[in-house]
Amino acid sequence: MILKGLAGDLTEYPLSDVNNVLGRSTSASVRLADREVSRKHSQIDHEDEDYILRDLGSSNGTFLNGKRIFGPSKLKDGDEVVIGTSKMEFRVAAGGNKAKNAEIVHSKDGDGELEGVVARVEAKANFAPVEQVHDINQLKRDYERLRVGHEFSNYVRLERDLNELLARILQIAFDLIPCDNGVILLRDATSRELVIQAMRQRKPGQGKVLVSDTLLSQVQATREGVLTSDAIADERFQSSHSIIALGVRSAMAVPLLNTSGDEVKGIMFLDSRERIAAFTTKDLEVLSAIAAQASVALENSEYARALEHEATQRAQLSRFLSPALVEQAARGSIELSKGGALTELTILFSDIRGFTSMSEKMPAQEVVQMMNDYFEEMVDILFEHHGILDKFIGDAIMGLWGAPVKRPDDATQAVRAAVKMQKAAQRFSAERVRQGKPPLKVGIGIHTGHVVVGNMGSSKALSYTAIGDGVNLASRLCGVAREDMIVISEECAQKAGKDKFVLEALPPAKVKNREQPVEIYRVLEAIEDD
């Protein structure tokens, strides 16, 4: 499913065979943060060869192509599903299910030389300068490669979706070569084995497309395109009754090489069941030309997807990391994988006092504008002092120091940030008063302690955050702080340095889930500026 965001953003959710739940639940396969959506609103299951959409008794209904559904509904490629305000598009990956109708078969002797080879062609074309071309046949071959390249570029262009790209490559091969079946195999990044990724048949229903492992081995070893004659007559396949039964007559395979030409990243395979010697050397040259263009297109697609992934990752990280930390995380210098680790952090909570009653008296748009302006200033200060933004909680801000990068002055930087945030909030409030608007008062609480920090959540929605008693205590201290106050714990004061701030000892605070009162201080001023 492809979820269409309000700003034109697209999020893709791969579907499993069963129990693909769409709804607000945190366990949903497609989670929709929408008040009009039920926790478990709809479900998609793969039944036989079809995907079936069902409404799970939701209040506001599920709509397929503009019509509300009341029973099981079959989904087709490109169907629009609307749930609440969320619009989704159901897409069947090109070649995704069809590729299951192709397999690699093993001959009785997989290590020998392939029999019945009619021709071999180098996969990479070398175009000589015009003054060095004296062979008219070579000129024709070069022209054919250029023609194929032109057709290919017009048809494929900068396609980033891998399944769609593979389908288009096979379409071009079928347009230019009289084949019956086609398969594209790509090397798996983990196992390094060739895996069938896409297939196409000119006449669907002809049975499985079978690819000889001996043929694949020859192409990998030589990095050349290979054209074979009658496969039925080849003694290598006498033990492969499936190939004989299907009547495979001729076959071609060409490598998909990397840019330098020294690595086979995949193989294109075509066969014919109609007649012996169905393919000519020219067909092999055309297929080699297609493979050369396909190799470039696949690498470009891979680079484009990598850049999109990096851009998405940077955008996500920039929501809670400073620009310097975003750069380190994007380079892989910082580990932000799923899971948590126990570490010492300094946790800051800030909260606007009386926000609820204030917002009730203001137009919603004005409240949003006020909070955006306020958060902009606060987060800039937090980043300036090497903190990370954990989250916004309504009108509250939660910031962390000590992860993912730990510094010896984390606690000091946190308290300095709090002092600067408080002063910025006071200026922000004074400006509002001058405009005839109600003032804005902030309370801040800070604690230093051991908590669990890391990427937490589901595989579809991770959030870098901290949990533990230390986080709760920082939140409680924020509650203790009155207007224009910064309250810190004894542990934070020790780590930050009592000599670096003007502190006022406050009566020990009795906080929830703590048997003993907590020693606390009010921060009046930072003694030395950065």
Protein backbone atom coordinates (compact mmCIF):
# COMPACT_ATOMS: atom_id res chain seq x y z
CA MET A 1 0.00 0.00 0.00
CA ILE A 2 1.13 3.55 -0.73
CA LEU A 3 -0.08 6.15 1.78
CA LYS A 4 -0.41 9.64 0.30
CA GLY A 5 0.48 12.43 2.72
CA LEU A 6 -1.01 15.91 2.71
CA ALA A 7 2.22 17.46 1.41
CA GLY A 8 2.49 14.97 -1.43
CA ASP A 9 4.69 12.62 0.58
CA LEU A 10 4.36 8.92 -0.24
CA THR A 11 4.93 6.14 2.28
CA GLU A 12 5.08 2.56 1.07
CA TYR A 13 3.90 -0.34 3.26
CA PRO A 14 4.71 -3.86 2.01
CA LEU A 15 1.83 -6.28 2.65
CA SER A 16 2.15 -9.82 3.97
CA ASP A 17 -0.20 -12.63 2.99
CA VAL A 18 -2.59 -12.27 5.96
CA ASN A 19 -3.65 -9.91 8.75
CA ASN A 20 -2.64 -6.62 7.15
CA VAL A 21 -4.55 -4.34 9.53
CA LEU A 22 -5.16 -0.68 8.67
CA GLY A 23 -6.01 1.54 11.63
CA ARG A 24 -4.87 3.66 14.60
CA SER A 25 -3.53 0.71 16.60
CA THR A 26 0.22 0.74 17.24
CA SER A 27 0.30 -2.87 16.03
CA ALA A 28 -1.41 -2.08 12.70
CA SER A 29 0.45 -2.94 9.50
CA VAL A 30 -0.53 0.49 8.14
CA ARG A 31 -0.85 2.87 11.08
CA LEU A 32 -3.07 5.91 10.48
CA ALA A 33 -2.91 8.78 12.98
CA ASP A 34 -6.44 9.97 12.32
CA ARG A 35 -9.28 10.49 14.82
CA GLU A 36 -11.81 9.31 12.24
CA VAL A 37 -10.07 5.94 11.96
CA SER A 38 -10.83 3.03 14.28
CA ARG A 39 -8.01 1.18 16.06
CA LYS A 40 -8.53 -1.79 13.76
CA HIS A 41 -10.42 -0.24 10.87
CA SER A 42 -9.85 -2.51 7.85
CA GLN A 43 -7.86 -5.56 6.85
CA ILE A 44 -6.24 -6.88 3.66
CA ASP A 45 -5.57 -10.60 3.12
CA HIS A 46 -3.97 -12.49 0.25
CA GLU A 47 -6.41 -15.21 -0.85
CA ASP A 48 -5.52 -17.47 -3.78
CA GLU A 49 -4.16 -15.00 -6.35
CA ASP A 50 -6.06 -11.94 -5.08
CA TYR A 51 -5.81 -9.39 -2.28
CA ILE A 52 -9.12 -8.94 -0.45
CA LEU A 53 -10.10 -5.78 1.47
CA ARG A 54 -12.53 -6.02 4.40
CA ASP A 55 -13.97 -3.43 6.73
CA LEU A 56 -13.69 -4.54 10.37
CA GLY A 57 -16.91 -2.95 11.57
CA SER A 58 -15.54 0.59 11.66
CA SER A 59 -17.78 3.54 12.52
CA ASN A 60 -16.87 5.72 9.53
CA GLY A 61 -16.47 2.99 6.93
CA THR A 62 -13.91 1.99 4.32
CA PHE A 63 -14.14 3.35 0.78
CA LEU A 64 -12.79 1.64 -2.35
CA ASN A 65 -12.62 3.84 -5.44
CA GLY A 66 -15.14 6.25 -3.92
CA LYS A 67 -17.69 3.63 -2.77
CA ARG A 68 -18.16 2.35 0.75
CA ILE A 69 -17.62 -1.40 1.02
CA PHE A 70 -19.84 -3.68 3.09
CA GLY A 71 -18.27 -7.04 2.30
CA PRO A 72 -15.05 -8.61 1.01
CA SER A 73 -13.78 -6.61 -1.97
CA LYS A 74 -11.09 -7.68 -4.44
CA LEU A 75 -8.29 -5.16 -4.93
CA LYS A 76 -6.80 -4.36 -8.31
CA ASP A 77 -3.54 -2.60 -9.11
CA GLY A 78 -4.05 1.16 -8.76
CA ASP A 79 -7.23 0.98 -6.63
CA GLU A 80 -7.74 3.89 -4.22
CA VAL A 81 -8.61 3.09 -0.61
CA VAL A 82 -9.86 5.92 1.61
CA ILE A 83 -10.11 5.57 5.39
CA GLY A 84 -11.03 8.73 7.27
CA THR A 85 -8.87 11.47 5.77
CA SER A 86 -6.15 9.04 4.69
CA LYS A 87 -5.83 8.15 1.01
CA MET A 88 -3.97 5.04 -0.07
CA GLU A 89 -3.18 3.38 -3.37
CA PHE A 90 -2.99 -0.38 -3.72
CA ARG A 91 -0.11 -1.41 -5.94
CA VAL A 92 0.86 -4.86 -7.19
CA ALA A 93 4.62 -4.93 -7.60
CA ALA A 94 5.44 -5.60 -11.24
CA GLY A 95 6.73 -9.14 -11.51
CA GLY A 96 6.32 -9.68 -7.77
CA ASN A 97 4.04 -12.71 -7.82
CA LYS A 98 4.79 -13.79 -11.37
CA ALA A 99 8.44 -14.33 -10.54
CA LYS A 100 7.32 -17.35 -8.50
CA ASN A 101 6.50 -19.02 -11.84
CA ALA A 102 10.21 -19.23 -12.69
CA GLU A 103 13.03 -21.24 -11.17
CA ILE A 104 16.66 -22.24 -11.61
CA VAL A 105 17.12 -25.92 -12.50
CA HIS A 106 20.22 -28.05 -12.08
CA SER A 107 21.72 -30.23 -14.79
CA LYS A 108 23.32 -33.57 -14.00
CA ASP A 109 26.82 -32.09 -14.25
CA GLY A 110 26.89 -28.47 -13.24
CA ASP A 111 30.66 -28.01 -13.46
CA GLY A 112 31.33 -28.86 -17.13
CA GLU A 113 31.29 -26.78 -20.27
CA LEU A 114 27.93 -25.79 -21.68
CA GLU A 115 27.09 -27.70 -24.86
CA GLY A 116 25.33 -26.33 -27.93
CA VAL A 117 26.81 -22.83 -27.69
CA VAL A 118 26.12 -21.01 -30.95
CA ALA A 119 27.62 -17.62 -30.13
CA ARG A 120 29.18 -15.50 -27.41
CA VAL A 121 29.15 -11.71 -27.26
CA GLU A 122 31.00 -9.34 -24.98
CA ALA A 123 28.54 -7.53 -22.74
CA LYS A 124 30.34 -4.18 -22.89
CA ALA A 125 30.43 -2.33 -26.20
CA ASN A 126 33.57 -0.53 -27.33
CA PHE A 127 32.86 2.12 -29.94
CA ALA A 128 35.95 2.83 -32.05
CA PRO A 129 36.58 6.29 -33.58
CA VAL A 130 35.02 6.70 -37.01
CA GLU A 131 38.38 6.73 -38.81
CA GLN A 132 39.14 3.27 -37.38
CA VAL A 133 35.86 1.67 -38.54
CA HIS A 134 36.41 -0.26 -41.79
CA ASP A 135 34.03 -3.18 -41.26
CA ILE A 136 30.49 -2.42 -42.42
CA ASN A 137 29.13 -5.23 -40.24
CA GLN A 138 30.79 -3.73 -37.18
CA LEU A 139 29.26 -0.39 -38.10
CA LYS A 140 25.83 -2.03 -38.28
CA ARG A 141 26.34 -3.67 -34.90
CA ASP A 142 27.37 -0.35 -33.35
CA TYR A 143 24.36 1.36 -34.89
CA GLU A 144 22.07 -1.34 -33.45
CA ARG A 145 23.51 -0.80 -29.97
CA LEU A 146 22.93 2.93 -30.26
CA ARG A 147 19.39 2.36 -31.50
CA VAL A 148 18.66 0.07 -28.56
CA GLY A 149 20.15 2.65 -26.21
CA HIS A 150 17.93 5.36 -27.63
CA GLU A 151 14.80 3.20 -27.33
CA PHE A 152 15.80 2.18 -23.82
CA SER A 153 16.39 5.73 -22.56
CA ASN A 154 13.03 6.88 -23.95
CA TYR A 155 11.16 4.03 -22.28
CA VAL A 156 12.94 3.65 -18.96
CA ARG A 157 14.31 7.11 -18.15
CA LEU A 158 14.87 7.63 -14.40
CA GLU A 159 12.57 4.92 -13.05
CA ARG A 160 13.35 4.40 -9.33
CA ASP A 161 10.93 1.61 -8.49
CA LEU A 162 12.93 -1.61 -8.93
CA ASN A 163 10.00 -3.86 -9.84
CA GLU A 164 8.70 -1.39 -12.40
CA LEU A 165 12.20 -0.94 -13.85
CA LEU A 166 12.68 -4.70 -14.26
CA ALA A 167 9.27 -5.02 -15.92
CA ARG A 168 10.16 -2.27 -18.40
CA ILE A 169 13.50 -3.88 -19.22
CA LEU A 170 11.76 -7.16 -20.05
CA GLN A 171 9.16 -5.27 -22.11
CA ILE A 172 11.93 -3.75 -24.25
CA ALA A 173 13.51 -7.19 -24.76
CA PHE A 174 10.17 -8.65 -25.87
CA ASP A 175 9.62 -5.74 -28.27
CA LEU A 176 12.98 -6.25 -29.97
CA ILE A 177 13.54 -10.02 -29.78
CA PRO A 178 11.19 -12.91 -30.81
CA CYS A 179 11.33 -14.72 -27.45
CA ASP A 180 8.68 -16.64 -25.51
CA ASN A 181 9.88 -16.17 -21.94
CA GLY A 182 12.17 -13.79 -20.11
CA VAL A 183 13.71 -13.70 -16.64
CA ILE A 184 15.91 -11.22 -14.80
CA LEU A 185 18.04 -12.49 -11.93
CA LEU A 186 19.84 -10.17 -9.51
CA ARG A 187 22.51 -10.97 -6.96
CA ASP A 188 21.21 -11.05 -3.39
CA ALA A 189 23.09 -8.58 -1.18
CA THR A 190 23.33 -11.07 1.71
CA SER A 191 23.81 -14.52 0.17
CA ARG A 192 25.49 -13.23 -3.04
CA GLU A 193 23.45 -15.84 -4.94
CA LEU A 194 21.52 -15.02 -8.11
CA VAL A 195 17.82 -14.73 -7.32
CA ILE A 196 14.95 -14.49 -9.81
CA GLN A 197 13.45 -11.01 -9.45
CA ALA A 198 11.17 -10.66 -12.49
CA MET A 199 9.78 -12.73 -15.35
CA ARG A 200 7.59 -12.25 -18.39
CA GLN A 201 5.82 -14.62 -20.80
CA ARG A 202 4.58 -13.76 -24.27
CA LYS A 203 1.79 -16.32 -23.86
CA PRO A 204 0.83 -16.61 -20.19
CA GLY A 205 0.03 -20.11 -19.05
CA GLN A 206 2.92 -21.86 -20.77
CA GLY A 207 4.15 -23.25 -17.48
CA LYS A 208 7.21 -22.43 -15.44
CA VAL A 209 10.19 -20.64 -16.95
CA LEU A 210 13.25 -22.79 -16.22
CA VAL A 211 16.76 -21.38 -16.20
CA SER A 212 19.79 -23.70 -16.40
CA ASP A 213 22.29 -23.24 -13.59
CA THR A 214 25.01 -24.36 -16.05
CA LEU A 215 24.11 -21.51 -18.38
CA LEU A 216 24.18 -19.06 -15.46
CA SER A 217 27.58 -20.37 -14.35
CA GLN A 218 29.01 -19.92 -17.84
CA VAL A 219 27.78 -16.33 -18.08
CA GLN A 220 29.16 -15.50 -14.63
CA ALA A 221 32.53 -17.09 -15.38
CA THR A 222 33.07 -15.45 -18.78
CA ARG A 223 31.06 -12.22 -18.24
CA GLU A 224 29.87 -12.73 -21.83
CA GLY A 225 26.48 -13.22 -23.40
CA VAL A 226 25.75 -16.81 -24.46
CA LEU A 227 23.40 -18.17 -27.14
CA THR A 228 22.59 -21.91 -26.97
CA SER A 229 21.00 -24.19 -29.54
CA ASP A 230 18.37 -26.90 -28.97
CA ALA A 231 18.26 -27.54 -25.21
CA ILE A 232 16.33 -30.78 -25.67
CA ALA A 233 19.22 -32.31 -27.62
CA ASP A 234 21.81 -31.20 -25.05
CA GLU A 235 22.94 -34.21 -23.05
CA ARG A 236 23.30 -32.04 -19.98
CA PHE A 237 19.53 -31.76 -19.66
CA GLN A 238 18.67 -35.45 -20.14
CA SER A 239 18.11 -35.71 -16.37
CA SER A 240 15.94 -32.59 -16.35
CA HIS A 241 12.57 -33.95 -17.47
CA SER A 242 10.90 -30.60 -16.79
CA ILE A 243 12.97 -28.85 -19.46
CA ILE A 244 12.30 -31.62 -21.98
CA ALA A 245 8.59 -31.62 -21.19
CA LEU A 246 8.36 -27.86 -21.68
CA GLY A 247 10.12 -28.07 -25.04
CA VAL A 248 12.77 -25.44 -24.45
CA ARG A 249 14.52 -25.07 -27.82
CA SER A 250 16.85 -22.06 -27.73
CA ALA A 251 18.05 -19.78 -24.96
CA MET A 252 20.17 -16.66 -24.46
CA ALA A 253 21.67 -15.19 -21.32
CA VAL A 254 23.69 -11.99 -20.87
CA PRO A 255 25.32 -10.50 -17.78
CA LEU A 256 24.31 -7.29 -16.06
CA LEU A 257 27.68 -5.80 -15.15
CA ASN A 258 28.70 -3.06 -12.74
CA THR A 259 30.17 0.18 -14.08
CA SER A 260 33.73 -1.10 -14.18
CA GLY A 261 32.62 -4.32 -15.88
CA ASP A 262 34.38 -6.64 -13.43
CA GLU A 263 31.35 -7.86 -11.45
CA VAL A 264 28.20 -9.65 -12.57
CA LYS A 265 25.35 -8.06 -10.63
CA GLY A 266 22.64 -9.95 -12.47
CA ILE A 267 21.70 -11.92 -15.59
CA MET A 268 19.02 -11.52 -18.27
CA PHE A 269 17.68 -14.76 -19.71
CA LEU A 270 15.39 -15.33 -22.72
CA ASP A 271 14.18 -18.62 -24.22
CA SER A 272 12.12 -19.87 -27.15
CA ARG A 273 9.90 -22.94 -27.28
CA GLU A 274 8.65 -22.51 -30.80
CA ARG A 275 11.56 -23.67 -32.94
CA ILE A 276 15.20 -24.68 -32.96
CA ALA A 277 17.69 -21.86 -33.64
CA ALA A 278 14.99 -19.29 -32.87
CA PHE A 279 17.66 -16.72 -31.99
CA THR A 280 20.44 -15.33 -34.15
CA THR A 281 23.76 -13.78 -33.26
CA LYS A 282 22.16 -10.41 -33.94
CA ASP A 283 19.49 -11.19 -31.30
CA LEU A 284 22.26 -11.92 -28.82
CA GLU A 285 23.93 -8.63 -29.69
CA VAL A 286 20.65 -6.78 -29.23
CA LEU A 287 20.08 -8.46 -25.87
CA SER A 288 23.65 -7.56 -24.85
CA ALA A 289 22.94 -3.95 -25.79
CA ILE A 290 19.76 -4.01 -23.70
CA ALA A 291 21.72 -5.52 -20.81
CA ALA A 292 24.34 -2.77 -21.02
CA GLN A 293 21.66 -0.11 -20.79
CA ALA A 294 19.82 -2.06 -18.08
CA SER A 295 22.99 -2.27 -15.97
CA VAL A 296 23.34 1.51 -16.01
CA ALA A 297 19.63 1.99 -15.27
CA LEU A 298 19.78 -0.42 -12.33
CA GLU A 299 22.79 1.36 -10.84
CA ASN A 300 21.15 4.76 -11.33
CA SER A 301 17.97 3.44 -9.70
CA GLU A 302 20.00 2.08 -6.80
CA TYR A 303 21.79 5.40 -6.34
CA ALA A 304 18.50 7.32 -6.53
CA ARG A 305 16.89 5.08 -3.91
CA ALA A 306 19.94 5.47 -1.68
CA LEU A 307 19.80 9.25 -1.99
CA GLU A 308 16.06 9.28 -1.26
CA HIS A 309 16.63 7.06 1.78
CA GLU A 310 19.41 9.34 3.02
CA ALA A 311 17.28 12.44 2.47
CA THR A 312 14.39 10.84 4.35
CA GLN A 313 16.70 9.76 7.14
CA ARG A 314 18.20 13.24 7.41
CA ALA A 315 14.74 14.81 7.51
CA GLN A 316 13.67 12.45 10.29
CA LEU A 317 16.87 12.95 12.27
CA SER A 318 16.74 16.74 11.92
CA ARG A 319 13.53 16.70 13.95
CA PHE A 320 15.40 15.79 17.13
CA LEU A 321 19.15 16.15 16.40
CA SER A 322 21.22 19.23 15.81
CA PRO A 323 22.59 19.69 12.26
CA ALA A 324 26.06 18.48 13.36
CA LEU A 325 24.64 15.26 14.83
CA VAL A 326 22.45 14.71 11.76
CA GLU A 327 25.59 14.77 9.62
CA GLN A 328 27.33 12.25 11.89
CA ALA A 329 24.30 9.95 11.93
CA ALA A 330 23.97 10.09 8.13
CA ARG A 331 27.65 9.11 7.79
CA GLY A 332 27.09 6.19 10.16
CA SER A 333 29.30 7.66 12.90
CA ILE A 334 26.41 7.46 15.35
CA GLU A 335 24.49 4.26 16.00
CA LEU A 336 20.72 4.82 16.04
CA SER A 337 19.54 1.25 15.62
CA LYS A 338 16.45 -0.20 17.26
CA GLY A 339 16.85 -1.04 20.94
CA GLY A 340 17.82 0.71 24.14
CA ALA A 341 20.87 0.95 26.39
CA LEU A 342 21.23 2.02 30.02
CA THR A 343 23.24 5.23 30.24
CA GLU A 344 23.52 8.45 32.21
CA LEU A 345 21.56 11.30 30.70
CA THR A 346 20.51 14.78 31.64
CA ILE A 347 16.81 15.23 30.93
CA LEU A 348 15.08 18.61 30.57
CA PHE A 349 11.35 19.27 30.60
CA SER A 350 9.87 22.70 29.95
CA ASP A 351 6.18 23.50 30.17
CA ILE A 352 4.02 26.58 29.59
CA ARG A 353 2.08 27.41 32.72
CA GLY A 354 -1.69 27.84 32.28
CA PHE A 355 -1.52 26.87 28.63
CA THR A 356 -4.86 25.05 28.58
CA SER A 357 -6.87 27.99 29.89
CA MET A 358 -4.91 30.39 27.65
CA SER A 359 -5.53 28.33 24.50
CA GLU A 360 -9.25 28.01 25.22
CA LYS A 361 -9.56 31.79 24.88
CA MET A 362 -7.61 32.02 21.62
CA PRO A 363 -8.51 31.04 18.03
CA ALA A 364 -6.98 27.70 17.08
CA GLN A 365 -4.91 29.21 14.27
CA GLU A 366 -3.41 31.76 16.64
CA VAL A 367 -2.52 29.01 19.13
CA VAL A 368 -0.74 27.03 16.40
CA GLN A 369 1.18 30.09 15.21
CA MET A 370 2.19 30.99 18.79
CA MET A 371 3.45 27.46 19.51
CA ASN A 372 5.36 27.23 16.25
CA ASP A 373 7.15 30.53 16.95
CA TYR A 374 7.83 29.51 20.55
CA PHE A 375 9.13 26.04 19.70
CA GLU A 376 11.36 27.48 16.98
CA GLU A 377 13.25 29.60 19.51
CA MET A 378 13.42 26.90 22.17
CA VAL A 379 14.71 24.16 19.86
CA ASP A 380 17.38 26.45 18.39
CA ILE A 381 18.73 27.04 21.90
CA LEU A 382 18.55 23.32 22.72
CA PHE A 383 20.57 22.45 19.59
CA GLU A 384 23.01 25.30 20.24
CA HIS A 385 23.89 23.65 23.56
CA HIS A 386 24.36 20.17 22.01
CA GLY A 387 21.08 18.74 23.23
CA ILE A 388 18.67 16.63 21.24
CA LEU A 389 14.93 17.12 20.98
CA ASP A 390 13.21 14.01 22.29
CA LYS A 391 9.67 15.16 21.63
CA PHE A 392 6.98 17.80 21.96
CA ILE A 393 4.29 16.81 24.44
CA GLY A 394 1.49 19.28 23.82
CA ASP A 395 3.04 22.56 24.94
CA ALA A 396 5.92 20.81 26.71
CA ILE A 397 9.43 20.13 25.40
CA MET A 398 11.57 17.14 26.37
CA GLY A 399 15.30 17.44 25.68
CA LEU A 400 18.21 15.05 26.30
CA TRP A 401 21.94 15.44 26.83
CA GLY A 402 24.37 12.51 26.86
CA ALA A 403 23.12 10.49 23.90
CA PRO A 404 23.70 9.56 21.16
CA VAL A 405 26.97 11.47 21.77
CA LYS A 406 28.25 11.82 25.33
CA ARG A 407 30.22 14.90 26.41
CA PRO A 408 31.82 15.64 29.79
CA ASP A 409 29.83 18.89 30.14
CA ASP A 410 26.39 17.52 29.19
CA ALA A 411 24.74 18.53 32.47
CA THR A 412 26.37 21.97 32.35
CA GLN A 413 25.16 22.53 28.80
CA ALA A 414 21.65 21.44 29.77
CA VAL A 415 21.41 23.95 32.62
CA ARG A 416 22.93 26.72 30.48
CA ALA A 417 20.35 25.91 27.81
CA ALA A 418 17.58 26.15 30.41
CA VAL A 419 18.80 29.60 31.53
CA LYS A 420 18.87 30.83 27.94
CA MET A 421 15.47 29.23 27.16
CA GLN A 422 13.94 30.95 30.18
CA LYS A 423 15.29 34.35 29.10
CA ALA A 424 14.08 33.78 25.52
CA ALA A 425 10.65 32.81 26.83
CA GLN A 426 10.50 36.01 28.90
CA ARG A 427 11.36 38.10 25.83
CA PHE A 428 8.77 36.19 23.84
CA SER A 429 6.18 36.88 26.56
CA ALA A 430 7.07 40.58 26.79
CA GLU A 431 6.56 40.96 23.04
CA ARG A 432 3.15 39.33 23.32
CA VAL A 433 2.17 41.73 26.12
CA ARG A 434 3.21 44.70 23.95
CA GLN A 435 0.85 43.34 21.28
CA GLY A 436 -2.00 43.19 23.78
CA LYS A 437 -1.86 39.41 24.09
CA PRO A 438 -1.71 37.33 27.26
CA PRO A 439 1.79 36.61 28.65
CA LEU A 440 3.48 33.24 28.34
CA LYS A 441 5.21 31.82 31.42
CA VAL A 442 7.43 28.75 31.47
CA GLY A 443 8.62 26.32 34.13
CA ILE A 444 11.65 24.05 33.59
CA GLY A 445 12.82 20.92 35.42
CA ILE A 446 16.14 19.07 34.94
CA HIS A 447 17.55 15.82 36.35
CA THR A 448 20.69 13.78 35.70
CA GLY A 449 20.45 10.02 36.15
CA HIS A 450 20.63 6.59 34.54
CA VAL A 451 17.86 5.81 32.07
CA VAL A 452 17.33 3.59 29.03
CA VAL A 453 17.80 5.43 25.74
CA GLY A 454 17.56 4.34 22.10
CA ASN A 455 15.26 3.84 19.14
CA MET A 456 12.07 2.35 20.50
CA GLY A 457 8.74 1.41 18.95
CA SER A 458 7.59 -0.83 16.12
CA SER A 459 9.38 -1.65 12.88
CA LYS A 460 7.14 0.90 11.13
CA ALA A 461 7.35 3.74 13.68
CA LEU A 462 10.55 4.18 15.69
CA SER A 463 11.24 7.07 18.04
CA TYR A 464 14.58 7.93 19.63
CA THR A 465 13.68 8.46 23.27
CA ALA A 466 14.56 7.79 26.90
CA ILE A 467 12.53 5.96 29.51
CA GLY A 468 13.02 5.25 33.18
CA ASP A 469 12.67 6.72 36.64
CA GLY A 470 15.11 9.52 35.81
CA VAL A 471 12.82 10.76 33.03
CA ASN A 472 9.86 10.68 35.41
CA LEU A 473 11.78 12.68 38.02
CA ALA A 474 12.72 15.37 35.51
CA SER A 475 9.05 15.66 34.57
CA ARG A 476 8.07 15.90 38.25
CA LEU A 477 10.62 18.70 38.83
CA CYS A 478 9.13 20.57 35.88
CA GLY A 479 5.80 20.31 37.71
CA VAL A 480 7.42 21.70 40.87
CA ALA A 481 8.81 24.72 39.00
CA ARG A 482 6.55 27.74 39.08
CA GLU A 483 6.39 30.49 36.47
CA ASP A 484 9.81 31.66 35.23
CA MET A 485 11.55 29.03 37.38
CA ILE A 486 14.25 26.43 36.65
CA VAL A 487 14.36 23.57 39.18
CA ILE A 488 17.18 21.02 39.11
CA SER A 489 17.94 17.92 41.19
CA GLU A 490 20.97 17.49 43.46
CA GLU A 491 22.44 15.00 40.96
CA CYS A 492 22.13 17.54 38.15
CA ALA A 493 23.65 20.30 40.30
CA GLN A 494 26.64 18.09 41.13
CA LYS A 495 27.24 17.13 37.50
CA ALA A 496 26.66 20.64 36.12
CA GLY A 497 28.94 22.26 38.69
CA LYS A 498 27.49 24.29 41.56
CA ASP A 499 30.21 26.87 41.07
CA LYS A 500 29.03 27.63 37.54
CA PHE A 501 25.53 28.80 38.47
CA VAL A 502 23.79 30.92 41.04
CA LEU A 503 21.67 28.37 42.90
CA GLU A 504 19.03 28.73 45.56
CA ALA A 505 18.35 25.67 47.70
CA LEU A 506 14.63 24.87 47.86
CA PRO A 507 12.81 22.76 50.43
CA PRO A 508 13.12 19.05 49.54
CA ALA A 509 10.30 18.05 47.23
CA LYS A 510 8.09 15.02 47.78
CA VAL A 511 7.47 13.56 44.35
CA LYS A 512 5.46 10.61 43.14
CA ASN A 513 7.12 7.17 43.30
CA ARG A 514 9.94 8.46 45.56
CA GLU A 515 9.87 7.51 49.24
CA GLN A 516 12.38 10.15 50.29
CA PRO A 517 12.04 13.85 49.48
CA VAL A 518 14.28 15.01 46.61
CA GLU A 519 16.95 17.66 47.19
CA ILE A 520 16.35 20.43 44.67
CA TYR A 521 17.68 23.85 43.65
CA ARG A 522 16.41 26.83 41.78
CA VAL A 523 18.77 28.13 39.10
CA LEU A 524 18.90 31.92 39.22
CA GLU A 525 21.68 32.64 36.76
CA ALA A 526 24.68 31.21 34.93
CA ILE A 527 27.90 32.63 36.40
CA GLU A 528 29.85 32.54 33.14
CA ASP A 529 28.51 32.73 29.62
CA ASP A 530 29.63 30.46 26.80
